[in-house]
Amino acid sequence: MNRRTVLVVVFAGVATLGLGAYFGRVRPIQLGMKQVGNLVHMRGYVAALDDFREAHGRYPQTLKEASADTKLPQGERFVGGLDLWGHPVLYRSDGSTYLLVSFGRDGQPDGSDYAAMRAVGRLDNSPCGNPDADIIFTESGELRTCGK
């Protein structure tokens, strides 16, 4: 083999190892951190909803209505009903109850029966492992914070 061929083979091997390390180790950690950040972001919406209810005696009809009343720490702001993945957040309210859902990284519902989860009212805090999982809150608390 000539020197050029050897360099190409070595470069290809190093690139393969690097990509394997990235997708095998680094990328899952990045996704996990973003998933946790999204949970914290969604809890911010919950706090705004609770503050609104305390001030007005009802839950707001829209997240925008809640965020208009919310005083956030310096430099923080609500992102108009989006989760940290950049997808619209599902929010429904009849004034006395609400449903708040982030559909995760893929932005698609995962098939959960939200009404049944609300009836049980128990937190499903399965291990996080799927960044596409829905994060679900109601007026009675967290129904799922991660995991499918």
Foldseek 3Di string as FASTA:
>chain_A
DDPVVVVVVVVVVVVVVVVCCCVVPVVQVVLVVLLVVLLVLVVVLVVLQVVVCVVPVWGDQASVVSQVPDDDPPPDGRDRQATSLREHWDWGGPGHKIKTKQQFNVRDAPPDDVVVLVVVLDADEPDADDRRHMWMAMPSGTNYSHDD
